[in-house]
Amino acid sequence: MGAGKVIAIIGACISLASLLLGFFLPELFSWYRFSLTDGVTTGGFFLTGFGNFISLGGAPPLTDIIYLTLIGAFVIIVGAIILIIGAAKEIKAMGIIGGVITLIGPILLLSSLVVGIFDWQGLIGDPNVFWGFSELFPGVWLSWGVWIGFFMALVGGVLGLVGGATV
């Protein structure tokens, strides 16, 4: 088994894991995170790769971006399947196409942040929607930003693309 084949399969698995792990540990593996903490309790919402918000501590879920991330999840699944098939059959073109398709998922969330499909700035009150934190009240902190699941999908897509190109 060649190195490109292994890298492509690892990339596909990381991309798929970025979708699934958000259900089990949303505080750690969500794609986007918005949380309030007072040092003792944490509340907020966590956008997973499948486009659902997991809300903790009574924070209201948001619904405007669900469809975009759901499309992104579907694209990642299709891209990962194409990557695995391309790696298994050692078809370079299929591996490249699968890697590119897998990258579209996280790029959709990134584009929604850049273009402002959902008004993240209105929610957080800060022009930097990618990540940050601020003190709302003495001892109460607000943090937001793209989170580990997003970076997993991005790294998985890049690995899939590189591995697919070297099959």
N, C-alpha and C. Protein backbone atom coordinates (compact mmCIF):
# COMPACT_ATOMS: atom_id res chain seq x y z
N MET A 1 0.84 -1.18 0.00
CA MET A 1 0.00 0.00 0.00
C MET A 1 0.88 1.23 0.00
N GLY A 2 0.65 2.13 -0.97
CA GLY A 2 1.47 3.33 -1.09
C GLY A 2 1.12 4.38 -0.06
N ALA A 3 2.05 5.33 0.10
CA ALA A 3 1.87 6.40 1.08
C ALA A 3 0.68 7.29 0.71
N GLY A 4 0.50 7.57 -0.58
CA GLY A 4 -0.62 8.41 -1.01
C GLY A 4 -1.96 7.79 -0.67
N LYS A 5 -2.04 6.48 -0.83
CA LYS A 5 -3.27 5.76 -0.52
C LYS A 5 -3.59 5.87 0.97
N VAL A 6 -2.58 5.69 1.80
CA VAL A 6 -2.76 5.77 3.26
C VAL A 6 -3.16 7.19 3.66
N ILE A 7 -2.48 8.19 3.10
CA ILE A 7 -2.78 9.58 3.45
C ILE A 7 -4.20 9.95 3.02
N ALA A 8 -4.62 9.50 1.84
CA ALA A 8 -5.98 9.79 1.37
C ALA A 8 -7.03 9.16 2.29
N ILE A 9 -6.80 7.93 2.71
CA ILE A 9 -7.76 7.25 3.60
C ILE A 9 -7.78 7.90 4.97
N ILE A 10 -6.62 8.29 5.48
CA ILE A 10 -6.56 8.99 6.77
C ILE A 10 -7.30 10.32 6.67
N GLY A 11 -7.10 11.05 5.58
CA GLY A 11 -7.80 12.32 5.39
C GLY A 11 -9.31 12.14 5.35
N ALA A 12 -9.77 11.11 4.65
CA ALA A 12 -11.20 10.83 4.60
C ALA A 12 -11.74 10.49 5.98
N CYS A 13 -11.01 9.70 6.74
CA CYS A 13 -11.45 9.31 8.09
C CYS A 13 -11.48 10.51 9.04
N ILE A 14 -10.49 11.38 8.96
CA ILE A 14 -10.49 12.58 9.80
C ILE A 14 -11.66 13.49 9.46
N SER A 15 -11.96 13.63 8.17
CA SER A 15 -13.09 14.45 7.76
C SER A 15 -14.41 13.89 8.28
N LEU A 16 -14.58 12.58 8.17
CA LEU A 16 -15.80 11.95 8.68
C LEU A 16 -15.87 12.05 10.20
N ALA A 17 -14.73 11.91 10.87
CA ALA A 17 -14.71 12.03 12.33
C ALA A 17 -15.09 13.43 12.78
N SER A 18 -14.73 14.45 11.98
CA SER A 18 -15.09 15.82 12.35
C SER A 18 -16.60 16.01 12.37
N LEU A 19 -17.31 15.22 11.59
CA LEU A 19 -18.78 15.29 11.59
C LEU A 19 -19.38 14.56 12.78
N LEU A 20 -18.83 13.42 13.12
CA LEU A 20 -19.43 12.56 14.14
C LEU A 20 -19.08 12.94 15.58
N LEU A 21 -17.87 13.40 15.80
CA LEU A 21 -17.42 13.66 17.17
C LEU A 21 -18.17 14.82 17.83
N GLY A 22 -18.72 15.73 17.02
CA GLY A 22 -19.48 16.84 17.57
C GLY A 22 -20.71 16.41 18.33
N PHE A 23 -21.27 15.25 18.01
CA PHE A 23 -22.43 14.75 18.73
C PHE A 23 -22.07 14.27 20.13
N PHE A 24 -20.89 13.71 20.28
CA PHE A 24 -20.50 13.11 21.55
C PHE A 24 -19.88 14.13 22.50
N LEU A 25 -19.05 15.01 21.98
CA LEU A 25 -18.40 16.04 22.79
C LEU A 25 -18.49 17.39 22.07
N PRO A 26 -19.66 18.02 22.07
CA PRO A 26 -19.81 19.25 21.30
C PRO A 26 -18.93 20.39 21.82
N GLU A 27 -18.64 20.41 23.12
CA GLU A 27 -17.79 21.48 23.66
C GLU A 27 -16.39 21.43 23.07
N LEU A 28 -15.97 20.25 22.64
CA LEU A 28 -14.61 20.07 22.14
C LEU A 28 -14.56 19.95 20.62
N PHE A 29 -15.52 19.27 20.01
CA PHE A 29 -15.43 18.95 18.58
C PHE A 29 -16.47 19.66 17.72
N SER A 30 -17.06 20.74 18.21
CA SER A 30 -18.00 21.48 17.37
C SER A 30 -17.24 22.23 16.28
N TRP A 31 -17.97 22.69 15.28
CA TRP A 31 -17.35 23.46 14.20
C TRP A 31 -17.31 24.94 14.54
N TYR A 32 -18.33 25.41 15.23
CA TYR A 32 -18.36 26.79 15.69
C TYR A 32 -18.88 26.79 17.11
N ARG A 33 -18.31 27.65 17.93
CA ARG A 33 -18.63 27.65 19.36
C ARG A 33 -18.96 29.06 19.81
N PHE A 34 -19.99 29.17 20.61
CA PHE A 34 -20.39 30.42 21.24
C PHE A 34 -20.73 30.08 22.67
N SER A 35 -19.91 30.49 23.62
CA SER A 35 -20.16 30.07 24.99
C SER A 35 -20.00 31.22 25.98
N LEU A 36 -20.78 31.12 27.03
CA LEU A 36 -20.72 32.03 28.16
C LEU A 36 -20.27 31.23 29.37
N THR A 37 -19.38 31.78 30.15
CA THR A 37 -18.95 31.08 31.36
C THR A 37 -18.72 32.10 32.47
N ASP A 38 -19.01 31.67 33.67
CA ASP A 38 -18.73 32.50 34.84
C ASP A 38 -17.65 31.85 35.71
N GLY A 39 -16.96 30.88 35.15
CA GLY A 39 -15.92 30.17 35.89
C GLY A 39 -16.43 28.91 36.55
N VAL A 40 -17.75 28.83 36.79
CA VAL A 40 -18.33 27.65 37.42
C VAL A 40 -19.19 26.90 36.42
N THR A 41 -20.07 27.61 35.74
CA THR A 41 -20.96 26.98 34.76
C THR A 41 -20.69 27.56 33.37
N THR A 42 -20.96 26.74 32.37
CA THR A 42 -20.79 27.15 30.99
C THR A 42 -22.09 26.89 30.24
N GLY A 43 -22.50 27.85 29.47
CA GLY A 43 -23.67 27.71 28.62
C GLY A 43 -23.31 28.20 27.24
N GLY A 44 -24.16 27.94 26.30
CA GLY A 44 -23.90 28.41 24.95
C GLY A 44 -24.41 27.44 23.94
N PHE A 45 -24.00 27.65 22.70
CA PHE A 45 -24.39 26.72 21.66
C PHE A 45 -23.16 26.31 20.86
N PHE A 46 -23.25 25.14 20.31
CA PHE A 46 -22.15 24.56 19.57
C PHE A 46 -22.69 24.03 18.25
N LEU A 47 -22.19 24.53 17.14
CA LEU A 47 -22.62 24.11 15.82
C LEU A 47 -21.78 22.91 15.41
N THR A 48 -22.44 21.78 15.19
CA THR A 48 -21.72 20.58 14.78
C THR A 48 -21.61 20.52 13.26
N GLY A 49 -20.86 19.57 12.77
CA GLY A 49 -20.66 19.42 11.34
C GLY A 49 -21.91 19.08 10.57
N PHE A 50 -22.91 18.49 11.22
CA PHE A 50 -24.15 18.14 10.54
C PHE A 50 -25.17 19.26 10.57
N GLY A 51 -24.78 20.43 11.03
CA GLY A 51 -25.66 21.58 10.97
C GLY A 51 -26.65 21.68 12.10
N ASN A 52 -26.46 20.94 13.18
CA ASN A 52 -27.37 21.12 14.29
C ASN A 52 -26.66 21.84 15.42
N PHE A 53 -27.44 22.59 16.16
CA PHE A 53 -26.91 23.31 17.31
C PHE A 53 -27.21 22.50 18.56
N ILE A 54 -26.19 22.30 19.34
CA ILE A 54 -26.36 21.68 20.64
C ILE A 54 -26.27 22.82 21.64
N SER A 55 -27.33 23.02 22.38
CA SER A 55 -27.43 24.15 23.29
C SER A 55 -27.24 23.67 24.72
N LEU A 56 -26.39 24.36 25.45
CA LEU A 56 -26.15 24.03 26.86
C LEU A 56 -26.49 25.23 27.73
N GLY A 57 -27.02 24.98 28.87
CA GLY A 57 -27.27 26.06 29.83
C GLY A 57 -28.37 27.01 29.43
N GLY A 58 -29.33 26.56 28.65
CA GLY A 58 -30.47 27.39 28.32
C GLY A 58 -30.24 28.41 27.22
N ALA A 59 -29.11 28.35 26.53
CA ALA A 59 -28.87 29.29 25.43
C ALA A 59 -29.79 28.93 24.27
N PRO A 60 -30.39 29.92 23.65
CA PRO A 60 -31.31 29.61 22.54
C PRO A 60 -30.53 29.15 21.31
N PRO A 61 -30.99 28.10 20.65
CA PRO A 61 -30.31 27.65 19.44
C PRO A 61 -30.59 28.60 18.27
N LEU A 62 -29.67 28.66 17.36
CA LEU A 62 -29.83 29.47 16.15
C LEU A 62 -30.17 28.55 15.00
N THR A 63 -30.92 29.04 14.04
CA THR A 63 -31.36 28.17 12.95
C THR A 63 -30.97 28.67 11.58
N ASP A 64 -30.44 29.87 11.45
CA ASP A 64 -30.20 30.44 10.12
C ASP A 64 -29.10 29.75 9.33
N ILE A 65 -28.14 29.14 9.99
CA ILE A 65 -27.00 28.58 9.27
C ILE A 65 -27.06 27.06 9.19
N ILE A 66 -28.08 26.46 9.73
CA ILE A 66 -28.18 25.00 9.78
C ILE A 66 -28.12 24.39 8.38
N TYR A 67 -28.84 24.96 7.44
CA TYR A 67 -28.91 24.36 6.10
C TYR A 67 -27.56 24.40 5.39
N LEU A 68 -26.83 25.48 5.58
CA LEU A 68 -25.52 25.60 4.94
C LEU A 68 -24.56 24.54 5.46
N THR A 69 -24.52 24.32 6.76
CA THR A 69 -23.61 23.31 7.30
C THR A 69 -24.11 21.90 7.03
N LEU A 70 -25.41 21.72 6.90
CA LEU A 70 -25.94 20.41 6.53
C LEU A 70 -25.51 20.05 5.11
N ILE A 71 -25.54 21.02 4.22
CA ILE A 71 -25.03 20.80 2.86
C ILE A 71 -23.54 20.48 2.92
N GLY A 72 -22.80 21.21 3.77
CA GLY A 72 -21.37 20.95 3.93
C GLY A 72 -21.09 19.55 4.42
N ALA A 73 -21.91 19.04 5.34
CA ALA A 73 -21.74 17.68 5.85
C ALA A 73 -21.98 16.66 4.74
N PHE A 74 -23.02 16.88 3.97
CA PHE A 74 -23.32 15.97 2.86
C PHE A 74 -22.16 15.96 1.86
N VAL A 75 -21.62 17.13 1.57
CA VAL A 75 -20.49 17.23 0.64
C VAL A 75 -19.27 16.50 1.18
N ILE A 76 -19.01 16.63 2.48
CA ILE A 76 -17.86 15.93 3.09
C ILE A 76 -18.05 14.42 2.99
N ILE A 77 -19.23 13.94 3.25
CA ILE A 77 -19.48 12.49 3.17
C ILE A 77 -19.26 11.99 1.75
N VAL A 78 -19.80 12.70 0.77
CA VAL A 78 -19.62 12.30 -0.63
C VAL A 78 -18.14 12.36 -1.00
N GLY A 79 -17.45 13.44 -0.62
CA GLY A 79 -16.02 13.56 -0.92
C GLY A 79 -15.19 12.47 -0.27
N ALA A 80 -15.52 12.12 0.98
CA ALA A 80 -14.77 11.06 1.67
C ALA A 80 -14.99 9.71 1.00
N ILE A 81 -16.21 9.44 0.55
CA ILE A 81 -16.48 8.18 -0.14
C ILE A 81 -15.70 8.13 -1.45
N ILE A 82 -15.70 9.23 -2.20
CA ILE A 82 -14.94 9.28 -3.45
C ILE A 82 -13.45 9.10 -3.17
N LEU A 83 -12.96 9.73 -2.10
CA LEU A 83 -11.55 9.59 -1.73
C LEU A 83 -11.19 8.14 -1.42
N ILE A 84 -12.01 7.48 -0.64
CA ILE A 84 -11.72 6.10 -0.26
C ILE A 84 -11.75 5.18 -1.48
N ILE A 85 -12.74 5.39 -2.35
CA ILE A 85 -12.81 4.57 -3.57
C ILE A 85 -11.62 4.85 -4.48
N GLY A 86 -11.29 6.13 -4.64
CA GLY A 86 -10.14 6.50 -5.47
C GLY A 86 -8.83 5.94 -4.94
N ALA A 87 -8.68 5.93 -3.60
CA ALA A 87 -7.46 5.38 -3.01
C ALA A 87 -7.43 3.86 -3.15
N ALA A 88 -8.57 3.23 -2.95
CA ALA A 88 -8.62 1.77 -3.04
C ALA A 88 -8.35 1.28 -4.46
N LYS A 89 -8.86 2.01 -5.44
CA LYS A 89 -8.66 1.60 -6.84
C LYS A 89 -7.45 2.28 -7.48
N GLU A 90 -6.77 3.11 -6.68
CA GLU A 90 -5.58 3.84 -7.13
C GLU A 90 -5.85 4.66 -8.39
N ILE A 91 -6.92 5.45 -8.34
CA ILE A 91 -7.28 6.35 -9.43
C ILE A 91 -6.98 7.77 -8.97
N LYS A 92 -5.93 8.35 -9.51
CA LYS A 92 -5.47 9.66 -9.08
C LYS A 92 -6.53 10.74 -9.28
N ALA A 93 -7.19 10.77 -10.43
CA ALA A 93 -8.19 11.79 -10.70
C ALA A 93 -9.34 11.72 -9.69
N MET A 94 -9.73 10.52 -9.36
CA MET A 94 -10.81 10.34 -8.39
C MET A 94 -10.36 10.80 -7.00
N GLY A 95 -9.12 10.56 -6.65
CA GLY A 95 -8.58 11.01 -5.37
C GLY A 95 -8.53 12.52 -5.27
N ILE A 96 -8.12 13.18 -6.36
CA ILE A 96 -8.07 14.64 -6.37
C ILE A 96 -9.48 15.22 -6.26
N ILE A 97 -10.40 14.69 -7.03
CA ILE A 97 -11.79 15.17 -7.00
C ILE A 97 -12.38 14.96 -5.60
N GLY A 98 -12.15 13.80 -5.00
CA GLY A 98 -12.64 13.54 -3.64
C GLY A 98 -12.06 14.50 -2.62
N GLY A 99 -10.76 14.80 -2.75
CA GLY A 99 -10.13 15.76 -1.84
C GLY A 99 -10.70 17.16 -1.97
N VAL A 100 -10.93 17.59 -3.21
CA VAL A 100 -11.50 18.92 -3.44
C VAL A 100 -12.93 18.98 -2.90
N ILE A 101 -13.71 17.96 -3.17
CA ILE A 101 -15.09 17.93 -2.68
C ILE A 101 -15.12 17.92 -1.15
N THR A 102 -14.21 17.20 -0.53
CA THR A 102 -14.16 17.15 0.93
C THR A 102 -13.82 18.52 1.52
N LEU A 103 -13.01 19.29 0.84
CA LEU A 103 -12.66 20.63 1.32
C LEU A 103 -13.81 21.63 1.21
N ILE A 104 -14.78 21.35 0.36
CA ILE A 104 -15.89 22.29 0.18
C ILE A 104 -16.70 22.44 1.47
N GLY A 105 -16.84 21.38 2.26
CA GLY A 105 -17.61 21.44 3.51
C GLY A 105 -17.14 22.54 4.45
N PRO A 106 -15.88 22.52 4.89
CA PRO A 106 -15.44 23.60 5.78
C PRO A 106 -15.37 24.96 5.09
N ILE A 107 -15.16 24.96 3.77
CA ILE A 107 -15.13 26.23 3.05
C ILE A 107 -16.50 26.90 3.06
N LEU A 108 -17.58 26.10 3.07
CA LEU A 108 -18.93 26.68 3.16
C LEU A 108 -19.13 27.44 4.47
N LEU A 109 -18.67 26.87 5.59
CA LEU A 109 -18.79 27.59 6.86
C LEU A 109 -17.92 28.83 6.85
N LEU A 110 -16.71 28.70 6.34
CA LEU A 110 -15.80 29.84 6.26
C LEU A 110 -16.39 30.96 5.41
N SER A 111 -17.00 30.59 4.29
CA SER A 111 -17.60 31.62 3.43
C SER A 111 -18.79 32.29 4.11
N SER A 112 -19.54 31.54 4.91
CA SER A 112 -20.66 32.17 5.61
C SER A 112 -20.16 33.18 6.64
N LEU A 113 -19.00 32.93 7.22
CA LEU A 113 -18.42 33.89 8.16
C LEU A 113 -17.91 35.14 7.44
N VAL A 114 -17.27 34.93 6.29
CA VAL A 114 -16.69 36.05 5.55
C VAL A 114 -17.77 36.91 4.90
N VAL A 115 -18.72 36.26 4.23
CA VAL A 115 -19.74 36.98 3.47
C VAL A 115 -20.83 37.51 4.39
N GLY A 116 -21.03 36.89 5.53
CA GLY A 116 -22.05 37.35 6.46
C GLY A 116 -23.43 36.81 6.14
N ILE A 117 -23.50 35.55 5.69
CA ILE A 117 -24.81 34.93 5.43
C ILE A 117 -25.65 34.95 6.70
N PHE A 118 -25.03 34.69 7.80
CA PHE A 118 -25.69 34.84 9.10
C PHE A 118 -25.01 35.97 9.83
N ASP A 119 -25.74 36.78 10.52
CA ASP A 119 -25.18 37.96 11.17
C ASP A 119 -24.47 37.59 12.47
N TRP A 120 -23.27 37.01 12.34
CA TRP A 120 -22.49 36.65 13.52
C TRP A 120 -22.07 37.90 14.28
N GLN A 121 -21.74 38.98 13.55
CA GLN A 121 -21.29 40.21 14.21
C GLN A 121 -22.38 40.78 15.12
N GLY A 122 -23.65 40.69 14.67
CA GLY A 122 -24.74 41.17 15.50
C GLY A 122 -24.90 40.34 16.77
N LEU A 123 -24.56 39.07 16.69
CA LEU A 123 -24.68 38.18 17.83
C LEU A 123 -23.58 38.42 18.86
N ILE A 124 -22.35 38.55 18.38
CA ILE A 124 -21.23 38.66 19.31
C ILE A 124 -20.80 40.10 19.58
N GLY A 125 -21.23 41.02 18.72
CA GLY A 125 -20.87 42.42 18.94
C GLY A 125 -19.41 42.72 18.67
N ASP A 126 -18.77 41.96 17.81
CA ASP A 126 -17.36 42.15 17.51
C ASP A 126 -17.15 41.88 16.02
N PRO A 127 -16.33 42.70 15.36
CA PRO A 127 -16.11 42.47 13.93
C PRO A 127 -15.34 41.19 13.61
N ASN A 128 -14.60 40.64 14.56
CA ASN A 128 -13.86 39.41 14.34
C ASN A 128 -14.75 38.23 14.68
N VAL A 129 -15.35 37.62 13.65
CA VAL A 129 -16.26 36.50 13.88
C VAL A 129 -15.54 35.17 13.90
N PHE A 130 -14.26 35.14 13.55
CA PHE A 130 -13.54 33.87 13.47
C PHE A 130 -13.22 33.31 14.84
N TRP A 131 -12.81 34.13 15.79
CA TRP A 131 -12.62 33.70 17.16
C TRP A 131 -12.30 34.90 18.02
N GLY A 132 -12.60 34.76 19.29
CA GLY A 132 -12.32 35.83 20.24
C GLY A 132 -13.02 35.59 21.56
N PHE A 133 -12.80 36.51 22.48
CA PHE A 133 -13.50 36.46 23.76
C PHE A 133 -13.56 37.87 24.34
N SER A 134 -14.54 38.09 25.17
CA SER A 134 -14.68 39.39 25.84
C SER A 134 -15.40 39.18 27.16
N GLU A 135 -15.22 40.13 28.06
CA GLU A 135 -15.88 40.07 29.35
C GLU A 135 -17.17 40.88 29.25
N LEU A 136 -18.30 40.19 29.38
CA LEU A 136 -19.60 40.86 29.31
C LEU A 136 -19.90 41.63 30.59
N PHE A 137 -19.72 40.94 31.71
CA PHE A 137 -19.93 41.50 33.03
C PHE A 137 -18.74 41.06 33.86
N PRO A 138 -18.51 41.67 34.98
CA PRO A 138 -17.40 41.20 35.81
C PRO A 138 -17.55 39.71 36.15
N GLY A 139 -16.60 38.92 35.71
CA GLY A 139 -16.60 37.49 35.98
C GLY A 139 -17.37 36.64 34.99
N VAL A 140 -18.01 37.24 33.99
CA VAL A 140 -18.76 36.50 32.98
C VAL A 140 -18.10 36.73 31.63
N TRP A 141 -17.61 35.64 31.03
CA TRP A 141 -16.85 35.72 29.79
C TRP A 141 -17.63 35.11 28.63
N LEU A 142 -17.53 35.76 27.49
CA LEU A 142 -18.12 35.28 26.25
C LEU A 142 -16.97 34.89 25.33
N SER A 143 -17.04 33.68 24.78
CA SER A 143 -16.03 33.27 23.80
C SER A 143 -16.74 32.70 22.58
N TRP A 144 -16.13 32.87 21.43
CA TRP A 144 -16.75 32.41 20.19
C TRP A 144 -15.66 32.07 19.19
N GLY A 145 -16.05 31.36 18.15
CA GLY A 145 -15.14 31.14 17.05
C GLY A 145 -15.22 29.74 16.46
N VAL A 146 -14.51 29.60 15.33
CA VAL A 146 -14.40 28.27 14.72
C VAL A 146 -13.66 27.39 15.70
N TRP A 147 -14.04 26.12 15.70
CA TRP A 147 -13.52 25.25 16.75
C TRP A 147 -12.89 24.01 16.16
N ILE A 148 -12.53 23.05 16.96
CA ILE A 148 -11.69 21.92 16.60
C ILE A 148 -12.29 21.08 15.47
N GLY A 149 -13.59 20.85 15.46
CA GLY A 149 -14.22 20.07 14.40
C GLY A 149 -14.01 20.69 13.03
N PHE A 150 -14.07 22.02 12.96
CA PHE A 150 -13.83 22.72 11.71
C PHE A 150 -12.40 22.47 11.22
N PHE A 151 -11.44 22.59 12.12
CA PHE A 151 -10.05 22.38 11.74
C PHE A 151 -9.77 20.92 11.37
N MET A 152 -10.46 20.01 12.04
CA MET A 152 -10.33 18.59 11.67
C MET A 152 -10.80 18.36 10.23
N ALA A 153 -11.95 18.95 9.88
CA ALA A 153 -12.47 18.80 8.52
C ALA A 153 -11.53 19.43 7.50
N LEU A 154 -10.96 20.57 7.85
CA LEU A 154 -10.02 21.24 6.95
C LEU A 154 -8.75 20.42 6.76
N VAL A 155 -8.18 19.92 7.85
CA VAL A 155 -6.97 19.09 7.76
C VAL A 155 -7.27 17.79 7.03
N GLY A 156 -8.42 17.17 7.30
CA GLY A 156 -8.80 15.95 6.61
C GLY A 156 -8.94 16.17 5.11
N GLY A 157 -9.53 17.30 4.73
CA GLY A 157 -9.67 17.61 3.31
C GLY A 157 -8.33 17.84 2.62
N VAL A 158 -7.44 18.55 3.30
CA VAL A 158 -6.10 18.79 2.73
C VAL A 158 -5.32 17.47 2.61
N LEU A 159 -5.37 16.66 3.67
CA LEU A 159 -4.69 15.35 3.60
C LEU A 159 -5.29 14.49 2.49
N GLY A 160 -6.61 14.52 2.37
CA GLY A 160 -7.27 13.76 1.31
C GLY A 160 -6.85 14.23 -0.06
N LEU A 161 -6.76 15.53 -0.24
CA LEU A 161 -6.33 16.09 -1.52
C LEU A 161 -4.88 15.71 -1.84
N VAL A 162 -4.00 15.86 -0.86
CA VAL A 162 -2.58 15.50 -1.07
C VAL A 162 -2.44 14.00 -1.32
N GLY A 163 -3.12 13.22 -0.48
CA GLY A 163 -3.04 11.76 -0.66
C GLY A 163 -3.65 11.32 -1.97
N GLY A 164 -4.78 11.92 -2.35
CA GLY A 164 -5.42 11.58 -3.61
C GLY A 164 -4.57 11.94 -4.82
N ALA A 165 -3.83 13.04 -4.71
CA ALA A 165 -2.97 13.46 -5.80
C ALA A 165 -1.73 12.60 -5.94
N THR A 166 -1.36 11.89 -4.87
CA THR A 166 -0.14 11.07 -4.92
C THR A 166 -0.43 9.57 -4.97
N VAL A 167 -1.69 9.22 -5.20
CA VAL A 167 -2.04 7.79 -5.28
C VAL A 167 -1.31 7.16 -6.46
